[in-house]
Amino acid sequence: MDGGDRVSGGPPISLACFGLFGTAAQDDGMLERAFAEACATQGIVPGTADYAHHMVAVHQTLGEPPVDVFRGLFPGNPGRAEAAALSFERSFRAAIDRHGLTPVPGAREAIEQLRESGVRVCMITGLSRRLLGIVLDTLGWWRLVDLALSPEDVPRGCPWPDQMLAAMLRVGVEDVREAAYAGSTASGIRCGRRAGARIVAGVLTGGHTRERLRAAGATHFITDISEFPALLADAGPEAADAGGAGVSTAGTGAGVPGAELPAAGVPAARRPEGEPFVPPQASASQIAPRRRVP
């Protein structure tokens, strides 16, 4: 477990956000296959130069919403991107139905340990809200986490900070330095850094390499998610990471020193009997409005 530069005077961690696949759950190649099958519906087939080019781009954008990935692969053709995203959704859901899902060893125990210590836990994913619900259902994690957010719950998905900021708002975090993030993709690391999280840990169990995560701004590295509770326990009030020191947010005022987030209750991510799962959402008025990204 690698540490980062630290300064004193930060508040204790009260919110831990996780990336999903490669961090807390194993996809066993299903994500890549779903992307490949979606590309095939658009005439991009294995064995061609176009296929190799597209799959490299898919790997580089791991953790981003699939529809955004396809918009990048098919620029200027939103209809083609939307069709590919729908195909991805069908392929990945079918793969889960066929093969199921397994957690990363130690992930459940790490989450339980964090919650027992009073830290709220939020799952962040680039998958749609529907797929997120299926994943939590398959893993049996409805009652394990406090919050679960998809890109549909915020204006923008990773690498933008919206999902982490929404999580902070939902649980009533008063200072962004109370938040920590752990993930295995560069886009997730950027999300955590842009949200001002005090600890942004690169997880070395999948996704991107240590070098890629470091370049994205990881403040620490952990071999797997089982080491995350110990890392947060070490980051008590006297050990804040320099990357987020002195930064807090207030509603839409992210990054304004001295500002505070409004307190808010948060329901656990529990599905009422017979009801479909809809992850808790932050209202659009609480986070920055969607704007066009150049």
Protein backbone atom coordinates (compact mmCIF):
# COMPACT_ATOMS: atom_id res chain seq x y z
CA MET A 1 0.00 0.00 0.00
CA ASP A 2 1.63 3.24 -1.16
CA GLY A 3 1.07 6.56 0.59
CA GLY A 4 0.89 10.07 -0.83
CA ASP A 5 1.99 13.50 0.29
CA ARG A 6 0.14 14.61 3.38
CA VAL A 7 -0.51 17.71 5.48
CA SER A 8 -2.18 17.97 8.86
CA GLY A 9 -5.52 19.40 9.82
CA GLY A 10 -8.06 17.51 7.71
CA PRO A 11 -11.37 16.10 8.97
CA PRO A 12 -11.90 12.33 9.31
CA ILE A 13 -13.16 10.44 6.27
CA SER A 14 -16.95 10.05 6.36
CA LEU A 15 -17.67 8.96 2.76
CA ALA A 16 -15.95 6.26 0.72
CA CYS A 17 -16.77 5.96 -2.97
CA PHE A 18 -15.85 2.88 -4.99
CA GLY A 19 -15.57 2.14 -8.65
CA LEU A 20 -17.53 -1.00 -9.45
CA PHE A 21 -15.85 -3.32 -11.96
CA GLY A 22 -12.19 -4.04 -11.41
CA THR A 23 -12.46 -2.60 -7.91
CA ALA A 24 -15.35 -4.27 -6.09
CA ALA A 25 -16.65 -6.75 -8.66
CA GLN A 26 -15.05 -8.93 -11.33
CA ASP A 27 -16.41 -8.79 -14.86
CA ASP A 28 -14.25 -11.65 -16.21
CA GLY A 29 -13.95 -9.97 -19.61
CA MET A 30 -17.70 -9.44 -20.02
CA LEU A 31 -17.41 -5.68 -20.41
CA GLU A 32 -14.87 -5.97 -23.21
CA ARG A 33 -16.95 -8.62 -24.97
CA ALA A 34 -20.06 -6.45 -24.71
CA PHE A 35 -18.18 -3.54 -26.27
CA ALA A 36 -16.85 -5.81 -29.02
CA GLU A 37 -20.31 -7.17 -29.79
CA ALA A 38 -21.73 -3.65 -29.87
CA CYS A 39 -19.00 -2.57 -32.32
CA ALA A 40 -19.78 -5.61 -34.46
CA THR A 41 -23.36 -4.42 -34.88
CA GLN A 42 -21.86 -1.31 -36.49
CA GLY A 43 -19.68 -3.28 -38.90
CA ILE A 44 -16.51 -3.15 -36.78
CA VAL A 45 -15.52 -6.83 -36.65
CA PRO A 46 -12.54 -8.70 -35.12
CA GLY A 47 -9.49 -9.13 -37.30
CA THR A 48 -9.68 -5.68 -38.89
CA ALA A 49 -7.60 -2.57 -38.28
CA ASP A 50 -10.77 -0.67 -37.37
CA TYR A 51 -11.58 -3.25 -34.70
CA ALA A 52 -8.11 -2.98 -33.15
CA HIS A 53 -8.34 0.81 -33.17
CA HIS A 54 -11.79 0.81 -31.57
CA MET A 55 -10.87 -1.67 -28.83
CA VAL A 56 -7.78 0.36 -27.90
CA ALA A 57 -10.07 3.37 -27.50
CA VAL A 58 -12.49 1.30 -25.41
CA HIS A 59 -9.67 0.30 -23.05
CA GLN A 60 -8.47 3.89 -22.74
CA THR A 61 -11.94 5.07 -21.74
CA LEU A 62 -12.74 2.35 -19.19
CA GLY A 63 -15.11 3.63 -16.52
CA GLU A 64 -16.79 6.21 -18.74
CA PRO A 65 -20.48 5.81 -19.67
CA PRO A 66 -20.74 3.46 -22.69
CA VAL A 67 -22.79 5.97 -24.67
CA ASP A 68 -20.00 8.54 -24.23
CA VAL A 69 -17.45 5.95 -25.34
CA PHE A 70 -19.45 5.24 -28.49
CA ARG A 71 -19.90 8.94 -29.20
CA GLY A 72 -16.14 9.15 -29.25
CA LEU A 73 -15.87 6.10 -31.50
CA PHE A 74 -18.49 7.38 -33.94
CA PRO A 75 -18.08 11.17 -33.89
CA GLY A 76 -20.70 13.14 -35.72
CA ASN A 77 -23.05 10.16 -35.83
CA PRO A 78 -25.19 10.20 -32.67
CA GLY A 79 -27.65 7.68 -34.07
CA ARG A 80 -24.90 5.12 -34.58
CA ALA A 81 -23.53 5.78 -31.10
CA GLU A 82 -26.96 5.33 -29.51
CA ALA A 83 -27.54 2.08 -31.42
CA ALA A 84 -24.18 0.73 -30.28
CA ALA A 85 -24.93 1.72 -26.67
CA LEU A 86 -28.23 -0.16 -26.77
CA SER A 87 -26.44 -3.21 -28.16
CA PHE A 88 -23.86 -2.98 -25.37
CA GLU A 89 -26.66 -2.86 -22.80
CA ARG A 90 -28.30 -5.99 -24.22
CA SER A 91 -25.01 -7.87 -24.53
CA PHE A 92 -23.85 -7.13 -21.02
CA ARG A 93 -27.19 -7.99 -19.47
CA ALA A 94 -27.24 -11.29 -21.37
CA ALA A 95 -23.72 -12.06 -20.17
CA ILE A 96 -24.74 -11.47 -16.54
CA ASP A 97 -27.74 -13.74 -17.02
CA ARG A 98 -25.51 -16.49 -18.43
CA HIS A 99 -22.48 -16.26 -16.17
CA GLY A 100 -23.45 -14.27 -13.10
CA LEU A 101 -21.02 -11.99 -11.26
CA THR A 102 -18.54 -12.43 -8.45
CA PRO A 103 -17.12 -9.82 -6.07
CA VAL A 104 -13.42 -9.12 -5.85
CA PRO A 105 -12.09 -11.18 -2.92
CA GLY A 106 -12.33 -9.13 0.25
CA ALA A 107 -14.65 -6.49 -1.24
CA ARG A 108 -17.71 -7.33 0.85
CA GLU A 109 -15.63 -7.48 4.01
CA ALA A 110 -13.99 -4.13 3.21
CA ILE A 111 -17.37 -2.46 2.70
CA GLU A 112 -18.77 -3.96 5.89
CA GLN A 113 -15.70 -2.82 7.81
CA LEU A 114 -16.08 0.73 6.52
CA ARG A 115 -19.76 0.90 7.40
CA GLU A 116 -19.15 -0.54 10.86
CA SER A 117 -16.64 2.26 11.44
CA GLY A 118 -19.28 4.86 10.52
CA VAL A 119 -18.11 5.59 6.97
CA ARG A 120 -20.86 5.83 4.34
CA VAL A 121 -20.22 3.81 1.16
CA CYS A 122 -21.25 4.76 -2.37
CA MET A 123 -20.81 2.67 -5.53
CA ILE A 124 -20.07 4.68 -8.68
CA THR A 125 -20.33 3.16 -12.14
CA GLY A 126 -20.46 4.15 -15.78
CA LEU A 127 -23.25 1.63 -16.40
CA SER A 128 -26.87 2.64 -16.84
CA ARG A 129 -29.20 2.73 -13.86
CA ARG A 130 -30.92 -0.43 -15.11
CA LEU A 131 -27.66 -2.36 -15.41
CA LEU A 132 -26.51 -1.06 -12.03
CA GLY A 133 -29.67 -2.46 -10.47
CA ILE A 134 -29.08 -5.83 -12.16
CA VAL A 135 -25.49 -5.90 -10.93
CA LEU A 136 -26.46 -5.16 -7.32
CA ASP A 137 -29.24 -7.71 -7.54
CA THR A 138 -26.88 -10.38 -8.89
CA LEU A 139 -24.23 -9.68 -6.25
CA GLY A 140 -26.81 -9.46 -3.46
CA TRP A 141 -25.52 -6.03 -2.47
CA TRP A 142 -28.81 -4.18 -2.03
CA ARG A 143 -28.26 -3.72 1.70
CA LEU A 144 -24.48 -3.62 1.58
CA VAL A 145 -23.98 -0.04 0.33
CA ASP A 146 -25.56 3.25 1.38
CA LEU A 147 -25.74 4.69 -2.11
CA ALA A 148 -25.29 3.64 -5.73
CA LEU A 149 -25.05 6.16 -8.58
CA SER A 150 -25.05 5.81 -12.34
CA PRO A 151 -24.38 8.50 -14.96
CA GLU A 152 -28.15 8.86 -15.38
CA ASP A 153 -28.35 10.27 -11.86
CA VAL A 154 -26.12 13.27 -12.64
CA PRO A 155 -25.45 15.58 -15.59
CA ARG A 156 -22.15 13.88 -16.46
CA GLY A 157 -20.43 10.58 -15.72
CA CYS A 158 -16.73 9.97 -15.14
CA PRO A 159 -14.20 11.49 -15.63
CA TRP A 160 -16.23 14.49 -14.45
CA PRO A 161 -16.77 14.96 -10.67
CA ASP A 162 -20.57 14.96 -10.73
CA GLN A 163 -21.15 11.48 -9.27
CA MET A 164 -18.86 12.02 -6.31
CA LEU A 165 -20.26 15.48 -5.64
CA ALA A 166 -23.78 14.06 -5.78
CA ALA A 167 -22.78 11.38 -3.28
CA MET A 168 -21.39 14.04 -0.95
CA LEU A 169 -24.61 16.00 -1.17
CA ARG A 170 -26.76 12.95 -0.51
CA VAL A 171 -24.91 11.90 2.64
CA GLY A 172 -24.45 15.41 3.98
CA VAL A 173 -20.69 15.75 3.69
CA GLU A 174 -19.70 19.24 4.88
CA ASP A 175 -16.18 19.29 3.44
CA VAL A 176 -14.93 17.46 0.36
CA ARG A 177 -11.86 16.41 2.36
CA GLU A 178 -14.17 14.02 4.21
CA ALA A 179 -14.48 11.98 1.01
CA ALA A 180 -12.25 9.26 -0.40
CA TYR A 181 -12.35 7.35 -3.67
CA ALA A 182 -10.93 3.99 -4.75
CA GLY A 183 -10.97 2.82 -8.35
CA SER A 184 -9.03 1.01 -11.04
CA THR A 185 -9.62 3.31 -14.02
CA ALA A 186 -8.11 6.65 -14.98
CA SER A 187 -11.57 8.14 -15.49
CA GLY A 188 -12.60 7.23 -11.94
CA ILE A 189 -9.38 8.66 -10.52
CA ARG A 190 -10.02 11.91 -12.37
CA CYS A 191 -13.56 11.99 -10.99
CA GLY A 192 -12.24 11.72 -7.45
CA ARG A 193 -9.54 14.34 -7.95
CA ARG A 194 -11.88 16.82 -9.63
CA ALA A 195 -14.37 16.40 -6.77
CA GLY A 196 -11.65 17.36 -4.29
CA ALA A 197 -11.56 14.02 -2.44
CA ARG A 198 -8.77 13.87 0.10
CA ILE A 199 -7.72 10.32 -0.81
CA VAL A 200 -7.96 9.04 -4.37
CA ALA A 201 -6.58 5.52 -4.34
CA GLY A 202 -5.62 3.62 -7.44
CA VAL A 203 -6.62 -0.04 -7.14
CA LEU A 204 -4.27 -2.41 -8.93
CA THR A 205 -6.70 -5.29 -9.53
CA GLY A 206 -7.86 -4.38 -13.01
CA GLY A 207 -8.60 -1.59 -15.45
CA HIS A 208 -5.54 0.59 -15.92
CA THR A 209 -1.90 0.31 -14.92
CA ARG A 210 -0.23 2.00 -11.97
CA GLU A 211 1.44 4.46 -14.37
CA ARG A 212 -1.89 5.34 -15.97
CA LEU A 213 -3.56 5.80 -12.59
CA ARG A 214 -0.66 7.90 -11.33
CA ALA A 215 -0.87 10.14 -14.40
CA ALA A 216 -4.60 10.58 -13.76
CA GLY A 217 -3.86 11.87 -10.26
CA ALA A 218 -3.98 8.92 -7.84
CA THR A 219 -2.73 9.98 -4.41
CA HIS A 220 -2.22 6.42 -3.13
CA PHE A 221 -2.11 2.86 -4.47
CA ILE A 222 -3.56 -0.29 -2.96
CA THR A 223 -3.07 -3.85 -4.15
CA ASP A 224 -6.79 -4.55 -3.81
CA ILE A 225 -9.87 -3.08 -2.19
CA SER A 226 -9.35 -5.05 1.04
CA GLU A 227 -6.60 -2.53 1.92
CA PHE A 228 -8.89 0.50 1.60
CA PRO A 229 -10.29 0.51 5.18
CA ALA A 230 -6.76 0.51 6.64
CA LEU A 231 -5.75 3.36 4.33
CA LEU A 232 -8.72 5.45 5.46
CA ALA A 233 -8.12 4.59 9.11
CA ASP A 234 -4.56 5.93 8.76
CA ALA A 235 -5.92 9.18 7.28
CA GLY A 236 -7.36 10.53 10.53
CA PRO A 237 -7.84 14.21 11.42
CA GLU A 238 -4.07 14.72 11.47
CA ALA A 239 -3.37 13.30 8.00
CA ALA A 240 -5.12 14.98 5.07
CA ASP A 241 -3.85 14.48 1.54
CA ALA A 242 -2.35 17.58 -0.02
CA GLY A 243 -4.38 17.11 -3.19
CA GLY A 244 -7.65 18.05 -1.49
CA ALA A 245 -6.47 20.22 1.39
CA GLY A 246 -8.46 23.36 1.98
CA VAL A 247 -11.13 22.58 -0.61
CA SER A 248 -14.83 22.32 0.07
CA THR A 249 -18.04 22.79 -1.86
CA ALA A 250 -21.42 24.39 -1.44
CA GLY A 251 -24.12 23.18 -3.78
CA THR A 252 -22.95 24.37 -7.19
CA GLY A 253 -19.89 26.10 -5.72
CA ALA A 254 -17.46 23.16 -5.97
CA GLY A 255 -13.89 24.11 -5.20
CA VAL A 256 -14.70 27.28 -3.25
CA PRO A 257 -12.51 27.41 -0.11
CA GLY A 258 -14.50 27.62 3.10
CA ALA A 259 -17.83 26.70 1.54
CA GLU A 260 -19.90 23.86 2.94
CA LEU A 261 -22.19 21.22 1.51
CA PRO A 262 -25.78 21.24 2.77
CA ALA A 263 -26.65 18.37 5.07
CA ALA A 264 -29.02 15.75 3.71
CA GLY A 265 -30.25 12.35 4.81
CA VAL A 266 -29.52 9.36 2.64
CA PRO A 267 -31.57 6.20 2.31
CA ALA A 268 -29.75 2.90 2.03
CA ALA A 269 -29.73 1.39 -1.44
CA ARG A 270 -32.45 -1.11 -0.60
CA ARG A 271 -35.03 -2.28 -3.06
CA PRO A 272 -38.56 -2.36 -1.65
CA GLU A 273 -40.21 -5.73 -2.15
CA GLY A 274 -41.65 -5.96 -5.66
CA GLU A 275 -40.27 -2.59 -6.74
CA PRO A 276 -37.60 -1.98 -9.40
CA PHE A 277 -34.31 -0.53 -8.21
CA VAL A 278 -33.70 3.15 -8.80
CA PRO A 279 -30.47 4.37 -7.17
CA PRO A 280 -30.83 7.52 -5.01
CA GLN A 281 -30.22 10.65 -7.02
CA ALA A 282 -29.09 14.19 -6.37
CA SER A 283 -31.43 16.76 -7.81
CA ALA A 284 -30.24 18.64 -10.88
CA SER A 285 -30.39 21.90 -8.94
CA GLN A 286 -27.77 20.64 -6.46
CA ILE A 287 -24.98 20.08 -8.94
CA ALA A 288 -23.53 21.92 -11.89
CA PRO A 289 -25.80 22.06 -14.95
CA ARG A 290 -24.88 19.94 -17.96
CA ARG A 291 -22.72 21.77 -20.42
CA ARG A 292 -21.20 20.81 -23.69
CA VAL A 293 -17.72 19.34 -23.38
CA PRO A 294 -15.32 20.38 -26.15
